[in-house]
Protein backbone atom coordinates (compact mmCIF):
# COMPACT_ATOMS: atom_id res chain seq x y z
CA MET A 1 -0.05 -0.08 -0.08
CA PRO A 2 1.51 3.10 -1.07
CA ARG A 3 2.40 5.72 1.66
CA VAL A 4 1.02 9.16 1.48
CA GLY A 5 3.77 11.68 1.97
CA ARG A 6 3.16 14.89 3.97
CA SER A 7 3.82 18.18 2.35
CA PRO A 8 6.88 19.98 3.51
CA SER A 9 6.15 22.64 6.22
CA ASN A 10 7.16 25.23 3.92
CA SER A 11 5.10 24.29 1.05
CA VAL A 12 2.93 26.79 -0.78
CA SER A 13 -0.33 25.42 0.69
CA ASP A 14 0.78 26.35 4.12
CA ARG A 15 1.33 29.92 3.31
CA PRO A 16 -1.35 32.40 4.31
CA ALA A 17 -3.34 34.30 1.54
CA ARG A 18 -2.09 37.78 0.56
CA PHE A 19 -5.27 39.29 2.09
CA LYS A 20 -4.36 37.72 5.45
CA LEU A 21 -0.90 39.00 5.24
CA TRP A 22 -2.19 42.46 4.58
CA LEU A 23 -4.23 42.30 7.72
CA ARG A 24 -1.49 41.17 9.85
CA ARG A 25 0.64 44.29 8.68
CA GLN A 26 -2.26 46.65 9.14
CA ARG A 27 -2.86 45.49 12.73
CA LYS A 28 0.63 46.87 13.59
CA LEU A 29 -0.55 50.32 12.29
CA LEU A 30 -3.95 50.31 14.17
CA ARG A 31 -2.72 51.36 17.68
CA PRO A 32 -0.52 54.19 16.63
CA ALA A 33 -3.33 55.23 14.41
CA ALA A 34 -5.83 55.16 17.19
CA TRP A 35 -3.46 57.13 19.43
CA ALA A 36 -3.25 59.69 16.67
CA CYS A 37 -7.03 60.09 16.36
CA PHE A 38 -7.24 60.47 20.13
CA SER A 39 -4.60 63.19 20.25
CA LEU A 40 -6.07 65.07 17.26
CA LEU A 41 -9.49 64.99 19.03
CA LEU A 42 -8.08 66.06 22.31
CA ALA A 43 -6.25 68.97 20.44
CA LEU A 44 -9.35 70.21 18.63
CA LEU A 45 -11.17 70.20 21.97
CA LEU A 46 -8.36 72.35 23.52
CA ILE A 47 -8.52 74.73 20.76
CA GLY A 48 -12.29 75.01 20.97
CA ALA A 49 -11.87 75.73 24.82
CA LEU A 50 -9.16 78.54 24.12
CA ARG A 51 -11.36 80.05 21.57
CA SER A 52 -14.48 79.88 23.94
CA ALA A 53 -12.42 81.46 26.66
CA ALA A 54 -11.14 84.21 24.43
CA PRO A 55 -13.05 87.51 23.95
CA GLY A 56 -16.38 86.80 22.21
CA GLY A 57 -16.38 83.06 23.14
CA THR A 58 -18.05 81.46 26.31
CA LEU A 59 -17.79 78.26 28.03
CA ALA A 60 -21.39 77.77 27.35
CA THR A 61 -20.87 78.21 23.67
CA PHE A 62 -18.14 75.57 23.75
CA ARG A 63 -20.32 73.23 25.63
CA GLU A 64 -23.06 73.60 22.99
CA ARG A 65 -20.60 72.84 20.33
CA VAL A 66 -19.29 69.69 22.08
CA GLY A 67 -22.83 68.65 22.89
CA ASP A 68 -24.03 69.19 19.11
CA ALA A 69 -20.95 67.16 17.98
CA THR A 70 -21.52 64.29 20.30
CA ALA A 71 -25.24 64.34 19.81
CA PHE A 72 -24.54 63.77 16.01
CA ALA A 73 -22.58 60.77 17.14
CA GLY A 74 -25.57 59.29 19.13
CA LEU A 75 -25.05 60.73 22.73
CA ARG A 76 -28.53 62.10 23.30
CA VAL A 77 -30.62 61.79 26.50
CA ARG A 78 -32.86 59.08 26.24
CA ASP A 79 -34.04 58.74 29.99
CA ILE A 80 -34.24 60.93 32.98
CA VAL A 81 -34.38 59.24 36.38
CA ILE A 82 -35.56 61.25 39.29
CA GLU A 83 -34.87 59.83 42.88
CA GLY A 84 -36.07 60.89 46.31
CA ARG A 85 -38.93 63.02 45.02
CA ALA A 86 -42.16 62.98 47.37
CA ASN A 87 -43.59 66.35 47.66
CA THR A 88 -41.63 68.57 45.11
CA PRO A 89 -43.92 69.22 41.91
CA GLU A 90 -42.40 67.26 39.12
CA PRO A 91 -42.96 69.83 36.51
CA LEU A 92 -41.08 72.51 38.65
CA LEU A 93 -38.30 69.87 39.22
CA ARG A 94 -38.03 69.14 35.36
CA ALA A 95 -38.16 72.85 34.40
CA ALA A 96 -35.35 73.54 36.90
CA LEU A 97 -33.07 70.64 35.36
CA GLY A 98 -33.60 72.32 32.10
CA VAL A 99 -32.89 68.96 30.25
CA ASN A 100 -35.29 67.07 28.01
CA LYS A 101 -35.23 63.88 26.15
CA GLY A 102 -33.46 64.24 22.89
CA ASP A 103 -31.23 67.05 24.12
CA PRO A 104 -27.49 66.42 23.83
CA MET A 105 -26.01 64.48 26.69
CA LEU A 106 -22.80 66.75 26.98
CA GLY A 107 -24.63 70.02 26.16
CA PHE A 108 -25.57 71.13 29.55
CA SER A 109 -23.59 72.03 32.82
CA LEU A 110 -24.35 69.47 35.73
CA GLU A 111 -23.38 72.03 38.27
CA GLN A 112 -25.73 74.78 37.05
CA ALA A 113 -28.48 72.17 36.81
CA ARG A 114 -27.84 71.23 40.50
CA GLN A 115 -27.79 74.91 41.38
CA ARG A 116 -31.33 75.63 39.88
CA ILE A 117 -32.77 72.60 41.42
CA GLU A 118 -31.66 73.63 44.81
CA THR A 119 -33.43 76.88 44.44
CA LEU A 120 -36.82 75.09 44.69
CA SER A 121 -38.18 75.66 48.15
CA TRP A 122 -38.85 71.84 48.83
CA ILE A 123 -35.24 70.96 48.01
CA GLU A 124 -32.53 70.75 50.64
CA HIS A 125 -29.79 69.12 48.56
CA ALA A 126 -29.48 67.70 45.00
CA THR A 127 -26.97 65.88 42.77
CA VAL A 128 -27.27 65.51 38.96
CA GLU A 129 -25.36 62.80 37.20
CA ARG A 130 -24.72 61.63 33.55
CA ARG A 131 -24.72 57.91 33.14
CA LEU A 132 -23.53 57.28 29.60
CA PRO A 133 -24.54 56.88 27.00
CA ASP A 134 -28.10 58.13 27.40
CA THR A 135 -29.35 58.63 31.04
CA ILE A 136 -29.59 61.64 33.34
CA VAL A 137 -30.01 60.81 37.25
CA VAL A 138 -31.35 63.38 39.47
CA ASN A 139 -31.19 62.72 43.27
CA ILE A 140 -32.89 64.85 45.62
CA GLN A 141 -33.17 65.20 49.41
CA GLU A 142 -36.20 67.19 50.37
CA ARG A 143 -36.92 69.36 53.37
CA ARG A 144 -39.28 67.56 55.91
CA PRO A 145 -42.12 69.87 57.03
CA PHE A 146 -41.72 70.47 60.84
CA ALA A 147 -44.56 72.96 61.59
CA ILE A 148 -47.13 75.38 60.08
CA TRP A 149 -46.19 79.05 60.49
CA GLN A 150 -49.06 81.54 60.56
CA ASN A 151 -47.94 85.30 60.01
CA ASP A 152 -50.12 88.11 58.74
CA GLY A 153 -53.09 85.82 58.01
CA LYS A 154 -50.84 83.48 55.85
CA PHE A 155 -50.09 79.84 56.50
CA VAL A 156 -46.68 78.14 55.13
CA LEU A 157 -44.94 75.00 55.90
CA ILE A 158 -41.49 75.31 57.61
CA ASP A 159 -38.70 72.85 58.31
CA ARG A 160 -36.71 72.50 61.61
CA SER A 161 -34.45 75.21 60.66
CA GLY A 162 -37.26 77.71 59.94
CA GLN A 163 -36.77 77.53 56.24
CA ILE A 164 -40.11 78.01 54.29
CA VAL A 165 -40.76 74.79 52.40
CA ALA A 166 -44.11 75.33 50.70
CA HIS A 167 -46.94 77.91 50.52
CA GLN A 168 -49.35 75.47 48.83
CA ASP A 169 -51.16 72.24 50.11
CA VAL A 170 -50.67 73.38 53.78
CA ALA A 171 -54.06 71.74 54.75
CA SER A 172 -52.40 68.26 53.70
CA PHE A 173 -50.16 68.79 56.82
CA ARG A 174 -52.75 70.17 59.29
CA ASN A 175 -51.47 67.62 62.07
CA LEU A 176 -48.44 69.58 62.39
CA PRO A 177 -47.92 72.14 65.29
CA LEU A 178 -48.79 75.60 64.66
CA VAL A 179 -46.57 78.43 65.38
CA VAL A 180 -47.64 82.24 65.16
CA GLY A 181 -46.03 85.47 64.61
CA ALA A 182 -43.00 87.27 63.18
CA GLY A 183 -39.67 85.70 64.28
CA ALA A 184 -41.25 82.21 65.09
CA PRO A 185 -39.76 79.92 62.61
CA PRO A 186 -36.08 80.11 63.63
CA SER A 187 -36.86 79.49 67.26
CA ALA A 188 -39.60 76.97 66.98
CA ALA A 189 -37.61 73.67 67.11
CA THR A 190 -36.40 73.91 70.57
CA LEU A 191 -39.96 74.85 72.07
CA LEU A 192 -41.83 72.14 69.92
CA ASP A 193 -39.24 69.47 70.82
CA ALA A 194 -39.69 70.23 74.46
CA LEU A 195 -43.49 70.04 74.04
CA THR A 196 -43.05 66.66 72.24
CA ALA A 197 -41.17 65.33 75.33
CA ARG A 198 -44.25 66.22 77.50
CA PRO A 199 -47.22 64.85 75.66
CA ALA A 200 -49.67 65.49 78.32
CA LEU A 201 -49.14 69.28 77.83
CA GLN A 202 -48.55 69.08 74.01
CA GLN A 203 -51.90 67.74 73.46
CA ARG A 204 -53.59 70.67 75.17
CA VAL A 205 -51.51 73.39 73.08
CA VAL A 206 -53.30 74.69 70.07
CA ALA A 207 -50.58 77.11 69.04
CA ALA A 208 -47.24 78.61 70.15
CA VAL A 209 -47.23 82.15 69.71
CA ARG A 210 -43.82 84.30 69.28
CA VAL A 211 -44.15 87.56 71.24
CA GLY A 212 -41.92 90.49 70.26
CA GLU A 213 -39.52 88.08 68.45
CA ARG A 214 -38.20 87.25 72.04
CA ARG A 215 -40.44 84.99 73.86
CA TRP A 216 -43.45 82.57 73.62
CA ASN A 217 -47.06 82.34 74.73
CA LEU A 218 -48.78 78.93 74.53
CA ARG A 219 -52.65 79.17 73.55
CA LEU A 220 -54.43 76.12 75.12
CA ASN A 221 -57.43 74.40 73.83
CA ASN A 222 -59.53 76.07 76.67
CA GLY A 223 -58.72 79.40 75.36
CA ALA A 224 -56.18 80.46 78.07
CA ASP A 225 -52.82 81.75 77.32
CA VAL A 226 -49.67 80.49 79.18
CA MET A 227 -46.94 83.40 79.10
CA LEU A 228 -43.51 81.89 79.18
CA PRO A 229 -40.30 83.64 80.28
CA GLU A 230 -37.74 84.63 77.77
CA GLY A 231 -34.97 82.15 77.79
CA HIS A 232 -36.22 79.94 80.55
CA GLU A 233 -39.07 78.04 78.54
CA ILE A 234 -38.03 74.61 79.48
CA ALA A 235 -38.09 75.26 83.23
CA ALA A 236 -41.35 76.89 82.98
CA LEU A 237 -42.98 73.85 81.14
CA ASP A 238 -41.67 71.47 84.07
CA ARG A 239 -43.18 74.00 86.46
CA LEU A 240 -46.55 74.18 84.42
CA MET A 241 -46.69 70.30 84.37
CA GLN A 242 -46.23 70.07 88.14
CA LEU A 243 -48.92 72.65 88.73
CA GLN A 244 -51.38 70.68 86.67
CA GLN A 245 -50.45 67.44 88.43
CA ASP A 246 -50.96 69.30 91.87
CA HIS A 247 -53.74 71.76 91.20
CA ASP A 248 -55.43 70.68 87.85
CA LEU A 249 -54.42 74.21 86.64
CA PHE A 250 -55.66 73.53 83.09
CA ASP A 251 -59.08 72.63 84.22
CA ARG A 252 -59.77 76.02 85.91
CA PRO A 253 -61.55 78.89 84.01
CA LEU A 254 -58.53 80.99 83.34
CA VAL A 255 -57.65 83.62 80.74
CA ALA A 256 -53.95 83.65 81.28
CA ILE A 257 -51.17 82.10 83.38
CA ASP A 258 -48.40 84.29 83.66
CA MET A 259 -45.03 82.67 84.35
CA ARG A 260 -42.69 85.39 83.12
CA LEU A 261 -41.34 86.09 86.64
CA PRO A 262 -39.42 83.38 88.20
CA ASP A 263 -40.61 83.91 91.88
CA ARG A 264 -44.26 84.42 91.19
CA LEU A 265 -47.13 83.01 89.32
CA VAL A 266 -50.14 85.22 88.17
CA LEU A 267 -53.49 83.73 87.35
CA ARG A 268 -56.06 85.71 85.55
CA PRO A 269 -59.60 84.18 86.07
CA ARG A 270 -62.10 84.14 83.34
CA PRO A 271 -65.22 86.15 84.25
CA SER A 272 -68.16 83.86 84.89
CA ASP A 273 -70.40 85.38 82.28
CA THR A 274 -67.62 85.48 79.66
CA PRO A 275 -67.75 82.47 77.24
CA ILE A 276 -64.68 80.64 76.25
CA PRO A 277 -63.44 82.21 72.99
CA PRO A 278 -62.24 80.03 70.15
CA PRO A 279 -58.40 80.05 69.71
CA ASN A 280 -57.30 83.14 68.01
CA PRO A 281 -53.38 83.18 68.38
CA LYS A 282 -53.14 86.48 66.56
CA LYS A 283 -54.53 88.29 69.60
CA ALA A 284 -51.59 87.29 71.85
CA THR A 285 -49.54 89.94 73.46
């Protein structure tokens, strides 16, 4: 039986085709070519930045040019994700963001968008991120309504720091405590926290009224006013609770309980023929 001989390793049939040889040669040039393209692009961006910074050019103009160029290459906003929103009106939030679906991904400033969003009254802190290739993510931390502030006949929501949160939909938060008068918001947290720690007293308080922007009156649900001393509210509240425990003070027909002086307590009784008025914190003095 004849033996089949193997072709020599250097035979013509073992040599790669001309096209494959050409591809092998081109691969050696691909990496330098890629670096050259990247360098050229970087140079063009730098030139554009310098021109934008020069008289007659702006950074916004440069950003728009880059955005338009990259949008042509497919970098457009396809999705906007908003995280953390509970009370902020979404139309206001999207208007402050200033970006819509279809806009260039790189055609706007993240920092300026964040600053605009943080001007909204509900927003305490915000971040705006690009997630390439096509998603904008907005994460917000909203202020938490802490109390309702009444001043000059108007009601607004405030947070713990006294910052106004919203003017609308106040009725939705009617279970929050009510503070009244000029200067009440910045000083409310300390007093309201003290009342929260004394629930038996808190449930009788209709409103905390700031007097002269320096001290507090408590309007009780029986129409009486408790006049607290300036700067010594906590001690006065403890004394008030003890008086209630020992003498049922809140159950007496009183117009006012004056605690402004540390060494005395002044009780102003209600005339027997005078009906108990409805709470009207604006009359407090």
